[in-house]
Structures are given as structure tokens and as C-alpha cells.
Amino acid sequence: MGALSVSPHESNIDWRLPARGRVGMYCLICAESAIFTIFVVAYLFYIGKSLTGPKPKDVLHPPIFFTVCLLSSSLTVHTAVRSLFRGNLAAFARWWILTILLGGTFLFGTLQEWRRLIFDDGLTVSTNLFGTTYYSLVGLHAFHVTMGLVALSTVVVFYFAGRLRREHAERLEVLSMYWHFVDAVWIVVFTVVYAVGV
């Protein structure tokens, strides 16, 4: 058999391995997606099976404003990274800090909801199946938001220390992927808890 011929066009293809950070983030997102899937399925499975109250429809109110804040932060973090790619550090800082403020506002809203549910409505993690699955699912998401805010805030520290450069844009784009994931997960959690589950 003769040797396989390779066209000139195929020989000029530049094959490069993807960046390790990006591959690592994809792997992390896949693993975290699997965990969230388990919690979402558990929440859906136990809907309506609590023997005692309160029930979701009695105490849950969709956090529309705080949801808008969180979803808007995906746009601000994207704009921040684009600004850094262009070398505009001042614009990057403004959009990045706004992302943190929006994420922090969302987390504040979650804590306010928990305070109301616990002290006004008597719903704790041990009250009934609804309480257990609700705090587990929403709490898991709140934990991821908190970790994201810690990471975003660390970048701000480097910025004010004068250690942030345009060449770091690729790394921060990888970090922004995590934040986009957190926002996307909230769409699922919001739908399951405040739309389907009530």
C-alpha cells in the first residue's frame, strides 16, 4: 500500500493543546455540575413529601431583584475581562469591582431570605424534607458564590498592589468562566425552587 498523501492545506494546520487553566476549569465545572444535578434531583424528588409544614408555597418568594443582580454580574465580568485584553486597567477595575458588588448584593439577599425563613417562618434544615433539601441546594449555590467572590476580591487586591498586567487577561478569563457557571446554575436553581417547586 502506498503512503497516505497529505494535502498542503492540512500540513499547515497549527495544532496546539488547549491552555491548562482552561482545561482545569472545564473539568471543575463538569464535576460541580454533577454535584448540583444530584441536589436538584433530590429537591425535585422530595417536593410535596413533607409530613409537616411549612410548604414552599407558604414561605418562598422569588428573589427577582437579587436574581437580576447576579445575572447582570455575568455581563460586568465579561466586560471587565475584555477591558483587560485591550489594556484598559482602569475600566477593568471598575467593571470587576461592580461584579463583586452585584454578587455581594445577591449573597446578601440570600442571607436575608434565610433570616426570614428561620426566624419568621420557622423553617430550618431540620424542620422537614423541604427545609433539608432547600437549604442544601440553595446553600450549595451560596457557597459557590462566596468562593467566587473571594477569588474576584483577591484579583482586586493584586490590582491595587500594582501587580495586575494585560498579560493576565487570559487567566482572568478562565476565572470568569467559573462566575458564568455560578450564574447559569442559579437559573436552574431559581426555576426548580421558585417556579417548579412551589
Protein backbone atom coordinates (compact mmCIF):
# COMPACT_ATOMS: atom_id res chain seq x y z
CA MET A 1 0.00 0.00 0.00
CA GLY A 2 1.25 3.48 -0.82
CA ALA A 3 1.82 6.18 1.76
CA LEU A 4 -1.16 8.38 2.59
CA SER A 5 -0.89 11.75 0.93
CA VAL A 6 -1.39 14.91 2.96
CA SER A 7 -2.65 17.99 1.22
CA PRO A 8 -0.66 21.21 1.63
CA HIS A 9 -3.65 22.77 3.39
CA GLU A 10 -3.73 20.02 6.04
CA SER A 11 0.01 20.24 6.66
CA ASN A 12 -0.27 23.94 7.53
CA ILE A 13 -2.82 23.42 10.32
CA ASP A 14 -1.48 24.76 13.62
CA TRP A 15 -2.28 22.10 16.23
CA ARG A 16 -1.98 23.39 19.78
CA LEU A 17 -3.03 21.93 23.07
CA PRO A 18 -5.62 24.00 24.98
CA ALA A 19 -4.38 26.03 27.93
CA ARG A 20 -4.06 24.00 31.12
CA GLY A 21 -6.04 26.54 33.13
CA ARG A 22 -8.94 26.39 30.73
CA VAL A 23 -8.95 22.58 30.72
CA GLY A 24 -8.80 22.56 34.50
CA MET A 25 -11.74 24.94 34.75
CA TYR A 26 -13.78 22.83 32.33
CA CYS A 27 -13.08 19.77 34.49
CA LEU A 28 -14.06 21.65 37.64
CA ILE A 29 -17.29 22.88 36.06
CA CYS A 30 -18.17 19.35 34.92
CA ALA A 31 -17.58 17.96 38.41
CA GLU A 32 -19.55 20.74 40.08
CA SER A 33 -22.37 20.30 37.56
CA ALA A 34 -22.66 16.66 38.58
CA ILE A 35 -22.91 17.66 42.25
CA PHE A 36 -25.58 20.27 41.55
CA THR A 37 -27.50 17.75 39.46
CA ILE A 38 -27.70 15.39 42.44
CA PHE A 39 -29.00 18.16 44.70
CA VAL A 40 -31.54 19.35 42.12
CA VAL A 41 -32.85 15.82 41.58
CA ALA A 42 -33.12 15.31 45.35
CA TYR A 43 -35.08 18.56 45.71
CA LEU A 44 -37.47 17.59 42.92
CA PHE A 45 -37.87 14.07 44.29
CA TYR A 46 -38.89 15.25 47.76
CA ILE A 47 -41.27 18.03 46.67
CA GLY A 48 -44.62 17.57 48.39
CA LYS A 49 -43.41 14.70 50.58
CA SER A 50 -43.00 16.66 53.80
CA LEU A 51 -45.35 15.44 56.51
CA THR A 52 -45.32 18.80 58.30
CA GLY A 53 -45.24 22.45 57.23
CA PRO A 54 -44.31 24.95 56.18
CA LYS A 55 -44.61 24.19 52.48
CA PRO A 56 -42.72 26.03 49.70
CA LYS A 57 -45.79 27.97 48.51
CA ASP A 58 -46.35 29.24 52.04
CA VAL A 59 -42.93 30.80 52.64
CA LEU A 60 -40.99 31.23 49.38
CA HIS A 61 -40.98 34.49 47.45
CA PRO A 62 -38.99 34.70 44.19
CA PRO A 63 -35.95 36.98 44.72
CA ILE A 64 -36.36 38.78 41.42
CA PHE A 65 -34.17 41.82 42.22
CA PHE A 66 -31.31 39.75 43.60
CA THR A 67 -31.53 37.38 40.65
CA VAL A 68 -31.22 40.31 38.24
CA CYS A 69 -28.15 41.46 40.20
CA LEU A 70 -26.45 38.09 39.90
CA LEU A 71 -27.24 37.57 36.24
CA SER A 72 -26.11 41.11 35.44
CA SER A 73 -22.74 40.30 37.00
CA SER A 74 -22.04 37.92 34.13
CA LEU A 75 -22.14 40.89 31.78
CA THR A 76 -19.93 43.03 34.01
CA VAL A 77 -17.28 40.35 34.49
CA HIS A 78 -17.20 39.73 30.73
CA THR A 79 -16.80 43.46 30.08
CA ALA A 80 -14.02 43.63 32.67
CA VAL A 81 -12.03 40.86 31.02
CA ARG A 82 -12.49 42.44 27.57
CA SER A 83 -11.20 45.73 29.00
CA LEU A 84 -8.10 44.00 30.35
CA PHE A 85 -7.44 42.36 26.98
CA ARG A 86 -7.46 45.87 25.49
CA GLY A 87 -5.05 47.03 28.17
CA ASN A 88 -7.53 49.39 29.86
CA LEU A 89 -6.79 48.66 33.52
CA ALA A 90 -8.99 51.44 34.90
CA ALA A 91 -12.08 50.18 33.04
CA PHE A 92 -11.21 46.63 34.07
CA ALA A 93 -11.14 47.64 37.75
CA ARG A 94 -14.48 49.45 37.54
CA TRP A 95 -16.30 46.54 35.90
CA TRP A 96 -14.59 43.93 38.09
CA ILE A 97 -15.50 45.73 41.31
CA LEU A 98 -19.06 46.19 40.05
CA THR A 99 -19.18 42.41 39.53
CA ILE A 100 -18.19 41.90 43.16
CA LEU A 101 -20.82 44.39 44.35
CA LEU A 102 -23.55 42.67 42.33
CA GLY A 103 -22.50 39.23 43.59
CA GLY A 104 -22.33 40.54 47.14
CA THR A 105 -25.81 42.03 46.81
CA PHE A 106 -27.14 38.65 45.68
CA LEU A 107 -25.48 36.89 48.62
CA PHE A 108 -26.94 39.50 50.99
CA GLY A 109 -30.38 38.74 49.55
CA THR A 110 -29.89 35.02 50.17
CA LEU A 111 -28.93 35.67 53.80
CA GLN A 112 -31.93 37.95 54.26
CA GLU A 113 -34.22 35.24 52.92
CA TRP A 114 -32.71 32.68 55.27
CA ARG A 115 -33.13 35.03 58.25
CA ARG A 116 -36.81 35.47 57.40
CA LEU A 117 -37.39 31.76 56.83
CA ILE A 118 -35.69 30.76 60.08
CA PHE A 119 -36.93 33.43 62.49
CA ASP A 120 -40.28 34.43 60.96
CA ASP A 121 -41.47 31.23 59.29
CA GLY A 122 -39.74 28.62 61.47
CA LEU A 123 -38.13 26.79 58.55
CA THR A 124 -34.76 25.28 59.39
CA VAL A 125 -32.73 22.50 57.84
CA SER A 126 -34.29 20.04 60.29
CA THR A 127 -37.91 21.22 60.12
CA ASN A 128 -38.99 18.89 57.31
CA LEU A 129 -37.84 17.42 53.99
CA PHE A 130 -38.49 20.72 52.26
CA GLY A 131 -36.23 22.57 54.71
CA THR A 132 -33.48 19.98 54.34
CA THR A 133 -33.45 19.98 50.55
CA TYR A 134 -33.99 23.74 50.23
CA TYR A 135 -31.08 24.75 52.44
CA SER A 136 -28.89 22.06 50.91
CA LEU A 137 -29.49 23.21 47.33
CA VAL A 138 -29.59 26.97 47.85
CA GLY A 139 -26.80 26.73 50.41
CA LEU A 140 -24.59 24.86 47.97
CA HIS A 141 -25.08 27.63 45.45
CA ALA A 142 -24.45 30.33 48.07
CA PHE A 143 -21.18 28.58 48.97
CA HIS A 144 -20.07 28.73 45.34
CA VAL A 145 -21.00 32.40 45.11
CA THR A 146 -18.95 33.04 48.24
CA MET A 147 -15.91 31.23 46.83
CA GLY A 148 -16.30 33.19 43.60
CA LEU A 149 -16.41 36.47 45.49
CA VAL A 150 -13.26 35.53 47.40
CA ALA A 151 -11.46 34.81 44.13
CA LEU A 152 -12.71 38.02 42.50
CA SER A 153 -11.72 40.05 45.55
CA THR A 154 -8.23 38.54 45.51
CA VAL A 155 -7.79 39.90 41.99
CA VAL A 156 -8.75 43.37 43.25
CA VAL A 157 -6.02 43.13 45.88
CA PHE A 158 -3.46 42.38 43.16
CA TYR A 159 -4.80 45.29 41.11
CA PHE A 160 -4.37 47.83 43.92
CA ALA A 161 -0.95 46.36 44.68
CA GLY A 162 0.07 47.18 41.11
CA ARG A 163 0.66 43.52 40.23
CA LEU A 164 -2.02 43.17 37.55
CA ARG A 165 -1.00 43.36 33.90
CA ARG A 166 -2.60 43.00 30.49
CA GLU A 167 -0.94 39.60 30.06
CA HIS A 168 -3.02 38.27 32.96
CA ALA A 169 -6.23 38.67 30.94
CA GLU A 170 -6.21 35.03 29.80
CA ARG A 171 -6.08 33.79 33.39
CA LEU A 172 -8.86 36.10 34.49
CA GLU A 173 -10.97 34.94 31.57
CA VAL A 174 -10.64 31.42 32.97
CA LEU A 175 -11.74 32.70 36.38
CA SER A 176 -14.70 34.45 34.77
CA MET A 177 -15.81 31.07 33.39
CA TYR A 178 -16.40 29.95 36.98
CA TRP A 179 -18.51 33.03 37.65
CA HIS A 180 -20.57 32.44 34.50
CA PHE A 181 -21.10 28.87 35.72
CA VAL A 182 -22.36 30.11 39.09
CA ASP A 183 -24.82 32.40 37.33
CA ALA A 184 -26.01 29.65 34.98
CA VAL A 185 -26.56 27.29 37.91
CA TRP A 186 -28.70 29.90 39.63
CA ILE A 187 -31.07 29.94 36.64
CA VAL A 188 -31.62 26.21 37.21
CA VAL A 189 -31.93 26.57 41.00
CA PHE A 190 -34.31 29.52 40.67
CA THR A 191 -36.50 27.59 38.23
CA VAL A 192 -36.58 24.46 40.38
CA VAL A 193 -37.11 26.17 43.75
CA TYR A 194 -39.27 29.18 42.95
CA ALA A 195 -41.16 28.08 39.82
CA VAL A 196 -41.46 24.28 39.65
CA GLY A 197 -41.26 23.51 43.37
CA VAL A 198 -43.95 25.83 44.72
